[in-house]
Amino acid sequence: MKLLQRAENSNTVIGNSFLIFLIRFFPSLAALIVVIVFSRYTSEELYGSYQNFWVRLYLLSALATLGIPAFLLTYTPEFIRYLFTTLRSGHYIAIMLWMIAVAASFAFLHHATAGMHVYIAFLFFLLHCLNVISETLLIVARKFSLLLWVNLLYTAAFLLLHYGVLTGAYSVESLFLYLLLPIGLKLLVTGISSASFTKTQTSPAAQKYTKTDIRSLWLHIGIYDVLQRVFTWIDKFIISILFTAGVSAMYFNGTYDIPFLPLLLGAVSSAALLQLASGEKKDDNPSAILVANQTARILSAVVFPLFFFLFLFREELFHVLLTIKYADSIPIFAVTVFIVPLRAYNFTSILQNRHKGRIINIGALLDLLVACALMYPLYQWLGLTGIALSFVISSYIQGVYYLHHTARVLNTKVYNIIPLVNWSVKLIAFGLLFIIIHYLLDSLFSDAIVLFLGSLVLVVTLLVSLAIEFKASKKTYGRSVSQK
């Protein structure tokens, strides 16, 4: 608890990243447990039907929330409070009506394809969207302890209710009906707290953004958030519509987001935005370059060893955790995992902070268009693996585009916003380490033991790598890039 309090009272990239990661860790852990357990102990059809619900929810909820969560993280708490005082009741009504319309579309779609009662899907979707917004407000307000306890309790209820499906006590549809209670209680707590935060009277923040600036950023962030979510889920969404639930389950497991990696990236991204927003100057290029380099070093300390572990130990992961029935997912996973190295850099935080929404959206649209253009020819060549490859290729093209424009915004060269030497050393060291470890273990032990020992090596490597990075960060930057 003392560690949590210390991190909560600090205003650093590392401290904020740790807290935001911790808040989102337990729901993500619960989702991972469900993936493993349902893959092992339920049929492909049941598991595929279950995951199709989440695929459609995550894609359409991006439309429903209009990019509001990402938009809120761009500003300081004082400015957010001021912003809410300028909103009229008509604004709230319009947003709610839009959410209701998208929720209804989701409910009728899932009813038509999976037979779920409309009211269950509708209510769950609406509660999910409102929870996302209220949680983001509490992150801005730095109510980390409250969010941590709420998510802990929700995770416990989430896992307990899923156990009923395994025992055959009730169906997947009944599961989502019962989940309405914990997600509703979660919204009640976070909603009351976030409403209290927004109603606190305050004066405008030091940053002088015009209403045109704010409206333009919201529009751009909204478009970007939708495009990114569509990019993440569109392949799974299409497969959930066109193929059987069993095929959908196989493809989902092969392209499953690496556990906690999006969570880590989101936490560091949110922390970086909070840090950039808290700067005394509106356009402080040296501080922005410093934050970009530090976040890249922190992320690479986790991302690079994780990439080599996942790629080299992929067969053991599927055989041991998901069983041999998902062996067809392994080639898809082997391709998908090459997106992981890109997670070592936050490509849009600085562009978002500088209100470069047009650049962000062009990059997101470029990403989606390239992926869609490559999808069919690569599918004809490699099957479902080709679809995954199309998204990997487009992601690298997008990364180059964002780096180029970020460097231009900061009036510097690309090599100044990336810790190239640090990254090169890590890639060589981690690559050699895991190649040697896997070769030795694979020649001596069974898959289960190889995976267990490999995981231990990964954990030790991550801890040592992060410890070295934190020590180097304090030595080079002082108190971890604090603006206090």
Protein backbone atom coordinates (compact mmCIF):
# COMPACT_ATOMS: atom_id res chain seq x y z
CA MET A 1 0.00 0.00 0.00
CA LYS A 2 2.88 2.36 0.74
CA LEU A 3 4.24 1.76 -2.76
CA LEU A 4 0.80 2.55 -4.20
CA GLN A 5 0.53 5.77 -2.15
CA ARG A 6 4.00 6.89 -3.18
CA ALA A 7 3.22 6.35 -6.85
CA GLU A 8 -0.15 8.09 -6.51
CA ASN A 9 1.43 11.15 -4.89
CA SER A 10 4.11 11.44 -7.56
CA ASN A 11 3.61 12.95 -11.00
CA THR A 12 6.08 11.06 -13.15
CA VAL A 13 5.83 9.03 -16.32
CA ILE A 14 6.94 5.92 -14.44
CA GLY A 15 4.63 6.51 -11.47
CA ASN A 16 1.58 7.27 -13.61
CA SER A 17 2.33 4.34 -15.93
CA PHE A 18 2.57 1.95 -12.98
CA LEU A 19 -0.76 3.06 -11.52
CA ILE A 20 -2.70 3.03 -14.79
CA PHE A 21 -1.22 -0.38 -15.64
CA LEU A 22 -2.17 -1.73 -12.21
CA ILE A 23 -5.75 -0.47 -12.54
CA ARG A 24 -6.25 -2.27 -15.85
CA PHE A 25 -4.16 -5.31 -14.97
CA PHE A 26 -6.78 -7.35 -13.15
CA PRO A 27 -9.58 -7.16 -15.77
CA SER A 28 -6.99 -8.08 -18.41
CA LEU A 29 -5.74 -10.97 -16.29
CA ALA A 30 -9.32 -12.21 -15.95
CA ALA A 31 -9.79 -12.06 -19.73
CA LEU A 32 -6.57 -14.03 -20.25
CA ILE A 33 -7.65 -16.69 -17.75
CA VAL A 34 -10.96 -17.05 -19.59
CA VAL A 35 -9.17 -17.41 -22.95
CA ILE A 36 -6.98 -20.23 -21.61
CA VAL A 37 -9.65 -22.06 -19.62
CA PHE A 38 -12.41 -21.76 -22.23
CA SER A 39 -10.00 -22.84 -24.99
CA ARG A 40 -9.07 -25.95 -23.02
CA TYR A 41 -12.40 -27.00 -21.55
CA THR A 42 -15.13 -25.81 -23.92
CA SER A 43 -15.90 -26.60 -27.55
CA GLU A 44 -14.57 -24.43 -30.37
CA GLU A 45 -18.13 -23.41 -31.21
CA LEU A 46 -19.01 -22.26 -27.68
CA TYR A 47 -15.70 -20.46 -27.22
CA GLY A 48 -15.97 -18.82 -30.64
CA SER A 49 -19.51 -17.64 -29.91
CA TYR A 50 -18.32 -16.15 -26.61
CA GLN A 51 -15.40 -14.27 -28.21
CA ASN A 52 -17.57 -13.01 -31.08
CA PHE A 53 -19.56 -11.03 -28.51
CA TRP A 54 -16.44 -9.21 -27.29
CA VAL A 55 -15.06 -8.64 -30.79
CA ARG A 56 -18.23 -6.87 -31.88
CA LEU A 57 -18.54 -4.97 -28.61
CA TYR A 58 -14.98 -3.60 -28.74
CA LEU A 59 -15.27 -2.51 -32.37
CA LEU A 60 -18.67 -0.84 -32.09
CA SER A 61 -17.98 0.73 -28.68
CA ALA A 62 -15.30 2.85 -30.38
CA LEU A 63 -18.06 4.29 -32.54
CA ALA A 64 -20.32 4.81 -29.55
CA THR A 65 -17.81 6.63 -27.33
CA LEU A 66 -16.73 9.02 -30.11
CA GLY A 67 -13.11 9.11 -28.99
CA ILE A 68 -14.06 10.81 -25.71
CA PRO A 69 -11.74 8.70 -23.48
CA ALA A 70 -8.64 9.46 -25.59
CA PHE A 71 -9.67 13.11 -25.88
CA LEU A 72 -10.01 13.57 -22.10
CA LEU A 73 -6.44 12.39 -21.48
CA THR A 74 -5.08 15.26 -23.58
CA TYR A 75 -5.83 17.94 -20.97
CA THR A 76 -5.13 18.72 -17.32
CA PRO A 77 -7.73 17.96 -14.58
CA GLU A 78 -8.38 21.70 -14.14
CA PHE A 79 -9.08 22.17 -17.82
CA ILE A 80 -11.36 19.12 -17.97
CA ARG A 81 -13.42 20.50 -15.08
CA TYR A 82 -13.69 23.82 -16.84
CA LEU A 83 -14.61 22.10 -20.09
CA PHE A 84 -17.52 20.26 -18.44
CA THR A 85 -18.90 23.52 -17.05
CA THR A 86 -19.24 24.79 -20.63
CA LEU A 87 -21.32 21.80 -21.78
CA ARG A 88 -25.08 22.13 -21.96
CA SER A 89 -27.73 19.50 -21.34
CA GLY A 90 -28.24 19.21 -25.10
CA HIS A 91 -24.68 17.97 -25.51
CA TYR A 92 -25.23 15.16 -22.99
CA ILE A 93 -28.55 14.20 -24.58
CA ALA A 94 -27.03 14.07 -28.07
CA ILE A 95 -24.15 11.85 -26.90
CA MET A 96 -26.51 9.51 -25.03
CA LEU A 97 -28.85 9.21 -28.00
CA TRP A 98 -25.88 8.30 -30.20
CA MET A 99 -24.71 5.65 -27.73
CA ILE A 100 -28.21 4.21 -27.53
CA ALA A 101 -28.41 4.02 -31.34
CA VAL A 102 -25.08 2.16 -31.60
CA ALA A 103 -26.01 -0.09 -28.66
CA ALA A 104 -29.24 -1.01 -30.44
CA SER A 105 -27.31 -1.81 -33.64
CA PHE A 106 -24.95 -4.05 -31.68
CA ALA A 107 -27.83 -5.79 -29.91
CA PHE A 108 -29.78 -6.54 -33.08
CA LEU A 109 -26.63 -7.70 -34.91
CA HIS A 110 -25.71 -10.14 -32.16
CA HIS A 111 -29.31 -11.30 -31.88
CA ALA A 112 -29.41 -12.03 -35.62
CA THR A 113 -26.11 -13.95 -35.66
CA ALA A 114 -25.95 -15.54 -32.19
CA GLY A 115 -29.56 -15.52 -31.00
CA MET A 116 -28.87 -13.51 -27.82
CA HIS A 117 -31.83 -11.57 -26.41
CA VAL A 118 -31.70 -7.96 -27.58
CA TYR A 119 -32.08 -6.39 -24.14
CA ILE A 120 -29.07 -8.28 -22.69
CA ALA A 121 -26.67 -7.20 -25.43
CA PHE A 122 -28.12 -3.66 -25.45
CA LEU A 123 -27.74 -3.05 -21.70
CA PHE A 124 -24.29 -4.63 -21.49
CA PHE A 125 -23.01 -2.52 -24.39
CA LEU A 126 -24.37 0.71 -22.91
CA LEU A 127 -22.95 0.02 -19.45
CA HIS A 128 -19.57 -0.86 -20.96
CA CYS A 129 -19.35 2.43 -22.88
CA LEU A 130 -20.32 4.56 -19.88
CA ASN A 131 -17.79 2.70 -17.73
CA VAL A 132 -14.99 3.44 -20.18
CA ILE A 133 -15.71 7.18 -20.03
CA SER A 134 -16.12 7.35 -16.25
CA GLU A 135 -12.91 5.37 -15.66
CA THR A 136 -10.99 7.74 -17.93
CA LEU A 137 -12.29 10.73 -15.98
CA LEU A 138 -11.09 9.15 -12.75
CA ILE A 139 -7.66 8.54 -14.28
CA VAL A 140 -7.48 12.23 -15.17
CA ALA A 141 -8.60 13.04 -11.61
CA ARG A 142 -5.89 10.66 -10.29
CA LYS A 143 -8.41 8.57 -8.33
CA PHE A 144 -6.18 5.55 -8.74
CA SER A 145 -6.91 3.82 -5.44
CA LEU A 146 -10.67 3.87 -6.05
CA LEU A 147 -10.26 2.47 -9.56
CA LEU A 148 -7.95 -0.26 -8.33
CA TRP A 149 -10.40 -1.55 -5.71
CA VAL A 150 -13.38 -1.30 -8.05
CA ASN A 151 -11.58 -3.30 -10.75
CA LEU A 152 -10.41 -5.88 -8.23
CA LEU A 153 -13.97 -6.54 -7.07
CA TYR A 154 -15.31 -6.57 -10.63
CA THR A 155 -12.61 -9.05 -11.69
CA ALA A 156 -13.54 -11.41 -8.86
CA ALA A 157 -17.23 -11.31 -9.85
CA PHE A 158 -16.31 -11.69 -13.54
CA LEU A 159 -14.32 -14.89 -12.96
CA LEU A 160 -16.84 -16.35 -10.52
CA LEU A 161 -19.68 -15.97 -13.02
CA HIS A 162 -17.62 -17.53 -15.82
CA TYR A 163 -17.13 -20.62 -13.69
CA GLY A 164 -20.85 -21.34 -14.05
CA VAL A 165 -20.46 -21.77 -17.82
CA LEU A 166 -17.68 -24.33 -17.29
CA THR A 167 -19.83 -26.38 -14.93
CA GLY A 168 -22.76 -26.26 -17.34
CA ALA A 169 -24.94 -24.41 -14.83
CA TYR A 170 -25.98 -21.84 -17.44
CA SER A 171 -25.31 -20.70 -21.01
CA VAL A 172 -23.12 -17.94 -22.45
CA GLU A 173 -26.23 -15.79 -22.89
CA SER A 174 -27.11 -16.19 -19.21
CA LEU A 175 -23.51 -15.31 -18.32
CA PHE A 176 -23.83 -11.86 -19.89
CA LEU A 177 -27.22 -11.43 -18.22
CA TYR A 178 -25.66 -12.08 -14.80
CA LEU A 179 -22.68 -9.82 -15.61
CA LEU A 180 -25.07 -6.87 -15.88
CA LEU A 181 -25.14 -6.67 -12.07
CA PRO A 182 -21.38 -6.27 -11.39
CA ILE A 183 -20.83 -3.98 -14.38
CA GLY A 184 -23.81 -1.89 -13.29
CA LEU A 185 -22.48 -1.59 -9.73
CA LYS A 186 -19.08 -0.68 -11.12
CA LEU A 187 -20.64 2.14 -13.15
CA LEU A 188 -22.56 3.34 -10.10
CA VAL A 189 -19.35 3.81 -8.10
CA THR A 190 -17.18 5.27 -10.86
CA GLY A 191 -20.04 7.36 -12.23
CA ILE A 192 -20.76 9.07 -8.91
CA SER A 193 -17.07 9.80 -8.32
CA SER A 194 -16.44 11.09 -11.84
CA ALA A 195 -19.58 13.27 -11.71
CA SER A 196 -18.30 14.78 -8.47
CA PHE A 197 -14.97 15.51 -10.13
CA THR A 198 -16.50 17.26 -13.16
CA LYS A 199 -18.86 19.39 -11.04
CA THR A 200 -16.05 20.88 -8.97
CA GLN A 201 -15.87 24.58 -9.77
CA THR A 202 -12.57 25.73 -11.24
CA SER A 203 -11.11 28.40 -13.46
CA PRO A 204 -9.72 27.73 -16.93
CA ALA A 205 -6.31 26.08 -17.01
CA ALA A 206 -3.18 27.92 -18.01
CA GLN A 207 -3.22 26.50 -21.54
CA LYS A 208 -5.23 28.81 -23.77
CA TYR A 209 -7.04 26.52 -26.17
CA THR A 210 -9.85 28.03 -28.19
CA LYS A 211 -13.19 26.27 -28.64
CA THR A 212 -12.18 25.71 -32.25
CA ASP A 213 -8.99 23.95 -31.07
CA ILE A 214 -10.96 21.74 -28.69
CA ARG A 215 -13.66 20.89 -31.22
CA SER A 216 -11.05 20.14 -33.88
CA LEU A 217 -9.06 17.87 -31.55
CA TRP A 218 -12.17 15.99 -30.46
CA LEU A 219 -13.13 15.43 -34.09
CA HIS A 220 -9.66 14.20 -35.01
CA ILE A 221 -9.23 12.05 -31.90
CA GLY A 222 -12.69 10.59 -32.39
CA ILE A 223 -11.92 9.62 -35.97
CA TYR A 224 -8.53 8.23 -34.95
CA ASP A 225 -9.95 6.19 -32.08
CA VAL A 226 -12.59 4.69 -34.34
CA LEU A 227 -10.07 3.90 -37.08
CA GLN A 228 -7.63 2.30 -34.64
CA ARG A 229 -10.34 0.18 -33.05
CA VAL A 230 -11.63 -0.81 -36.47
CA PHE A 231 -8.06 -1.73 -37.49
CA THR A 232 -7.64 -3.85 -34.36
CA TRP A 233 -10.90 -5.74 -34.68
CA ILE A 234 -12.05 -5.56 -38.32
CA ASP A 235 -10.45 -8.86 -39.37
CA LYS A 236 -11.92 -10.70 -36.39
CA PHE A 237 -15.25 -8.93 -36.92
CA ILE A 238 -15.47 -9.99 -40.58
CA ILE A 239 -14.51 -13.58 -39.74
CA SER A 240 -17.13 -13.65 -36.96
CA ILE A 241 -19.75 -12.77 -39.59
CA LEU A 242 -18.58 -14.87 -42.54
CA PHE A 243 -17.18 -18.00 -40.90
CA THR A 244 -18.33 -20.46 -38.27
CA ALA A 245 -17.77 -19.82 -34.58
CA GLY A 246 -15.13 -22.58 -34.58
CA VAL A 247 -13.06 -20.88 -37.30
CA SER A 248 -13.51 -17.58 -35.50
CA ALA A 249 -12.14 -19.14 -32.30
CA MET A 250 -9.08 -20.47 -34.12
CA TYR A 251 -8.32 -17.11 -35.76
CA PHE A 252 -8.99 -15.18 -32.55
CA ASN A 253 -6.45 -17.24 -30.61
CA GLY A 254 -3.88 -16.80 -33.36
CA THR A 255 -4.28 -13.02 -33.40
CA TYR A 256 -5.00 -12.52 -29.70
CA ASP A 257 -3.43 -9.35 -28.35
CA ILE A 258 -0.36 -10.26 -26.34
CA PRO A 259 -1.50 -10.29 -22.70
CA PHE A 260 -0.91 -6.99 -20.91
CA LEU A 261 1.08 -5.48 -23.80
CA PRO A 262 -1.71 -3.19 -25.05
CA LEU A 263 -2.35 -2.51 -21.38
CA LEU A 264 1.27 -1.46 -20.82
CA LEU A 265 1.31 0.68 -23.96
CA GLY A 266 -1.98 2.31 -22.99
CA ALA A 267 -0.72 3.02 -19.47
CA VAL A 268 2.53 4.57 -20.67
CA SER A 269 0.66 6.48 -23.39
CA SER A 270 -1.83 7.87 -20.88
CA ALA A 271 1.00 8.75 -18.50
CA ALA A 272 2.94 10.47 -21.28
CA LEU A 273 -0.13 12.51 -22.25
CA LEU A 274 -0.68 13.51 -18.63
CA GLN A 275 2.99 14.49 -18.40
CA LEU A 276 2.94 16.52 -21.60
CA ALA A 277 -0.29 18.23 -20.56
CA SER A 278 1.19 19.25 -17.19
CA GLY A 279 4.12 21.12 -18.74
CA GLU A 280 4.40 24.82 -18.06
CA LYS A 281 4.87 25.66 -21.73
CA LYS A 282 2.37 24.72 -24.38
CA ASP A 283 5.05 23.66 -26.92
CA ASP A 284 8.12 22.55 -24.98
CA ASN A 285 10.09 20.58 -27.57
CA PRO A 286 13.04 19.53 -25.35
CA SER A 287 10.67 18.12 -22.71
CA ALA A 288 8.62 16.34 -25.36
CA ILE A 289 11.75 14.73 -26.84
CA LEU A 290 12.83 13.70 -23.35
CA VAL A 291 9.44 12.09 -22.61
CA ALA A 292 9.46 10.31 -25.99
CA ASN A 293 12.89 8.82 -25.35
CA GLN A 294 12.15 7.77 -21.79
CA THR A 295 8.87 6.07 -22.64
CA ALA A 296 10.60 4.28 -25.55
CA ARG A 297 13.32 2.99 -23.23
CA ILE A 298 10.79 1.82 -20.63
CA LEU A 299 8.57 0.09 -23.19
CA SER A 300 11.47 -1.61 -24.98
CA ALA A 301 12.69 -3.09 -21.69
CA VAL A 302 9.47 -5.13 -21.69
CA VAL A 303 8.55 -5.39 -25.36
CA PHE A 304 11.80 -6.71 -26.83
CA PRO A 305 12.35 -9.68 -24.49
CA LEU A 306 8.64 -10.49 -24.71
CA PHE A 307 8.80 -10.53 -28.52
CA PHE A 308 11.67 -13.03 -28.64
CA PHE A 309 10.03 -15.22 -26.00
CA LEU A 310 6.67 -15.32 -27.78
CA PHE A 311 8.14 -16.04 -31.20
CA LEU A 312 10.60 -18.72 -30.12
CA PHE A 313 8.32 -20.43 -27.58
CA ARG A 314 5.12 -20.19 -29.69
CA GLU A 315 4.60 -23.93 -30.13
CA GLU A 316 5.02 -24.63 -26.42
CA LEU A 317 2.58 -21.82 -25.60
CA PHE A 318 -0.19 -23.26 -27.76
CA HIS A 319 0.42 -26.94 -27.00
CA VAL A 320 0.54 -26.45 -23.24
CA LEU A 321 -1.91 -23.60 -22.62
CA LEU A 322 -4.53 -23.97 -25.37
CA THR A 323 -4.03 -27.67 -26.25
CA ILE A 324 -3.29 -29.24 -29.62
CA LYS A 325 -6.79 -28.50 -30.99
CA TYR A 326 -5.65 -24.92 -31.67
CA ALA A 327 -2.42 -25.95 -33.45
CA ASP A 328 -3.72 -24.33 -36.65
CA SER A 329 -3.51 -20.98 -34.84
CA ILE A 330 0.30 -21.22 -34.48
CA PRO A 331 1.28 -20.00 -38.01
CA ILE A 332 -1.14 -17.08 -37.63
CA PHE A 333 0.37 -16.25 -34.24
CA ALA A 334 3.93 -16.47 -35.63
CA VAL A 335 3.08 -13.70 -38.10
CA THR A 336 0.99 -11.59 -35.73
CA VAL A 337 3.73 -11.48 -33.09
CA PHE A 338 5.88 -9.31 -35.40
CA ILE A 339 3.64 -6.38 -34.49
CA VAL A 340 5.02 -6.61 -30.94
CA PRO A 341 8.30 -4.69 -31.56
CA LEU A 342 6.24 -1.69 -32.69
CA ARG A 343 4.77 -1.50 -29.18
CA ALA A 344 8.15 -0.25 -27.95
CA TYR A 345 7.22 3.25 -29.13
CA ASN A 346 4.22 5.47 -28.57
CA PHE A 347 3.75 6.97 -32.02
CA THR A 348 0.89 9.40 -31.40
CA SER A 349 1.25 10.94 -27.91
CA ILE A 350 3.23 13.98 -29.02
CA LEU A 351 1.11 14.47 -32.14
CA GLN A 352 -2.01 14.28 -29.98
CA ASN A 353 -0.60 16.73 -27.44
CA ARG A 354 0.26 19.17 -30.23
CA HIS A 355 -3.22 18.93 -31.74
CA LYS A 356 -1.96 17.29 -34.94
CA GLY A 357 -5.17 15.36 -35.37
CA ARG A 358 -5.07 15.54 -39.16
CA ILE A 359 -1.68 13.79 -39.26
CA ILE A 360 -2.86 11.15 -36.79
CA ASN A 361 -5.98 10.42 -38.81
CA ILE A 362 -4.15 10.22 -42.13
CA GLY A 363 -1.81 7.67 -40.54
CA ALA A 364 -4.70 5.66 -39.14
CA LEU A 365 -6.53 5.73 -42.48
CA LEU A 366 -3.32 4.77 -44.30
CA ASP A 367 -2.91 1.83 -41.93
CA LEU A 368 -6.44 0.58 -42.54
CA LEU A 369 -6.38 1.10 -46.32
CA VAL A 370 -3.05 -0.71 -46.77
CA ALA A 371 -4.26 -3.62 -44.63
CA CYS A 372 -7.53 -3.89 -46.56
CA ALA A 373 -5.72 -3.65 -49.92
CA LEU A 374 -3.34 -6.46 -48.97
CA MET A 375 -5.90 -8.62 -47.17
CA TYR A 376 -7.49 -10.41 -50.13
CA PRO A 377 -4.36 -11.15 -52.23
CA LEU A 378 -2.48 -12.35 -49.14
CA TYR A 379 -5.49 -14.46 -48.11
CA GLN A 380 -5.44 -16.09 -51.55
CA TRP A 381 -1.73 -16.84 -51.08
CA LEU A 382 -1.49 -17.82 -47.39
CA GLY A 383 -5.07 -18.28 -46.21
CA LEU A 384 -5.97 -16.82 -42.81
CA THR A 385 -2.25 -16.29 -42.09
CA GLY A 386 -2.18 -13.86 -45.03
CA ILE A 387 -4.88 -11.73 -43.42
CA ALA A 388 -2.74 -11.42 -40.30
CA LEU A 389 0.33 -10.56 -42.41
CA SER A 390 -1.52 -7.71 -44.15
CA PHE A 391 -2.06 -6.00 -40.79
CA VAL A 392 1.59 -6.45 -39.78
CA ILE A 393 2.86 -4.82 -42.99
CA SER A 394 0.47 -1.89 -42.73
CA SER A 395 1.45 -1.29 -39.09
CA TYR A 396 5.12 -0.82 -40.00
CA ILE A 397 4.21 1.60 -42.80
CA GLN A 398 2.10 3.61 -40.35
CA GLY A 399 4.93 3.68 -37.79
CA VAL A 400 7.36 5.18 -40.32
CA TYR A 401 4.77 7.81 -41.27
CA TYR A 402 4.20 8.86 -37.65
CA LEU A 403 7.91 9.02 -36.82
CA HIS A 404 8.56 11.28 -39.80
CA HIS A 405 5.84 13.74 -38.81
CA THR A 406 6.65 13.68 -35.08
CA ALA A 407 10.23 14.66 -35.88
CA ARG A 408 8.96 17.51 -38.06
CA VAL A 409 6.64 18.76 -35.32
CA LEU A 410 9.53 18.81 -32.84
CA ASN A 411 11.93 20.41 -35.36
CA THR A 412 14.42 17.59 -35.03
CA LYS A 413 15.63 14.42 -36.72
CA VAL A 414 13.99 11.02 -36.33
CA TYR A 415 17.08 9.57 -34.64
CA ASN A 416 16.72 12.16 -31.86
CA ILE A 417 13.29 10.92 -30.80
CA ILE A 418 14.27 7.23 -30.74
CA PRO A 419 16.92 5.74 -28.40
CA LEU A 420 18.58 3.86 -31.27
CA VAL A 421 21.71 2.75 -29.40
CA ASN A 422 19.66 1.56 -26.42
CA TRP A 423 17.30 -0.36 -28.71
CA SER A 424 20.10 -1.94 -30.75
CA VAL A 425 21.85 -3.26 -27.65
CA LYS A 426 18.59 -4.69 -26.30
CA LEU A 427 17.62 -6.38 -29.58
CA ILE A 428 20.99 -8.10 -29.91
CA ALA A 429 21.25 -9.08 -26.23
CA PHE A 430 17.68 -10.33 -25.82
CA GLY A 431 17.68 -12.07 -29.20
CA LEU A 432 20.82 -14.06 -28.45
CA LEU A 433 19.66 -14.83 -24.91
CA PHE A 434 16.32 -16.36 -25.91
CA ILE A 435 17.65 -18.18 -28.97
CA ILE A 436 20.23 -19.93 -26.80
CA ILE A 437 17.79 -20.59 -23.95
CA HIS A 438 15.16 -22.10 -26.25
CA TYR A 439 17.68 -24.27 -28.07
CA LEU A 440 19.06 -25.68 -24.82
CA LEU A 441 15.68 -26.26 -23.17
CA ASP A 442 14.06 -27.75 -26.27
CA SER A 443 16.78 -30.38 -26.56
CA LEU A 444 16.43 -31.46 -22.93
CA PHE A 445 12.83 -31.19 -21.73
CA SER A 446 9.16 -31.65 -22.64
CA ASP A 447 6.99 -28.78 -23.89
CA ALA A 448 5.52 -28.06 -20.45
CA ILE A 449 8.91 -27.84 -18.74
CA VAL A 450 10.38 -25.81 -21.61
CA LEU A 451 7.53 -23.30 -21.30
CA PHE A 452 7.82 -23.13 -17.51
CA LEU A 453 11.59 -22.58 -17.49
CA GLY A 454 11.38 -20.18 -20.44
CA SER A 455 8.75 -18.15 -18.58
CA LEU A 456 11.01 -17.96 -15.53
CA VAL A 457 13.84 -16.66 -17.71
CA LEU A 458 11.45 -14.09 -19.20
CA VAL A 459 10.31 -12.84 -15.78
CA VAL A 460 13.88 -12.51 -14.51
CA THR A 461 14.90 -10.77 -17.74
CA LEU A 462 12.02 -8.29 -17.48
CA LEU A 463 12.78 -7.47 -13.85
CA VAL A 464 16.49 -6.96 -14.49
CA SER A 465 15.85 -4.97 -17.67
CA LEU A 466 13.35 -2.66 -15.97
CA ALA A 467 15.58 -2.20 -12.92
CA ILE A 468 18.49 -1.20 -15.15
CA GLU A 469 16.24 1.15 -17.13
CA PHE A 470 14.79 2.83 -14.03
CA LYS A 471 18.26 3.32 -12.57
CA ALA A 472 19.55 4.77 -15.84
CA SER A 473 16.46 6.99 -16.07
CA LYS A 474 17.04 8.53 -12.66
CA LYS A 475 20.72 9.05 -13.41
CA THR A 476 20.09 10.67 -16.80
CA TYR A 477 16.78 12.50 -16.30
CA GLY A 478 16.48 13.00 -12.57
CA ARG A 479 13.09 12.14 -11.03
CA SER A 480 11.81 10.20 -14.02
CA VAL A 481 10.70 13.19 -16.02
CA SER A 482 8.59 14.86 -13.40
CA GLN A 483 7.11 18.27 -14.06
CA LYS A 484 6.51 18.96 -10.43
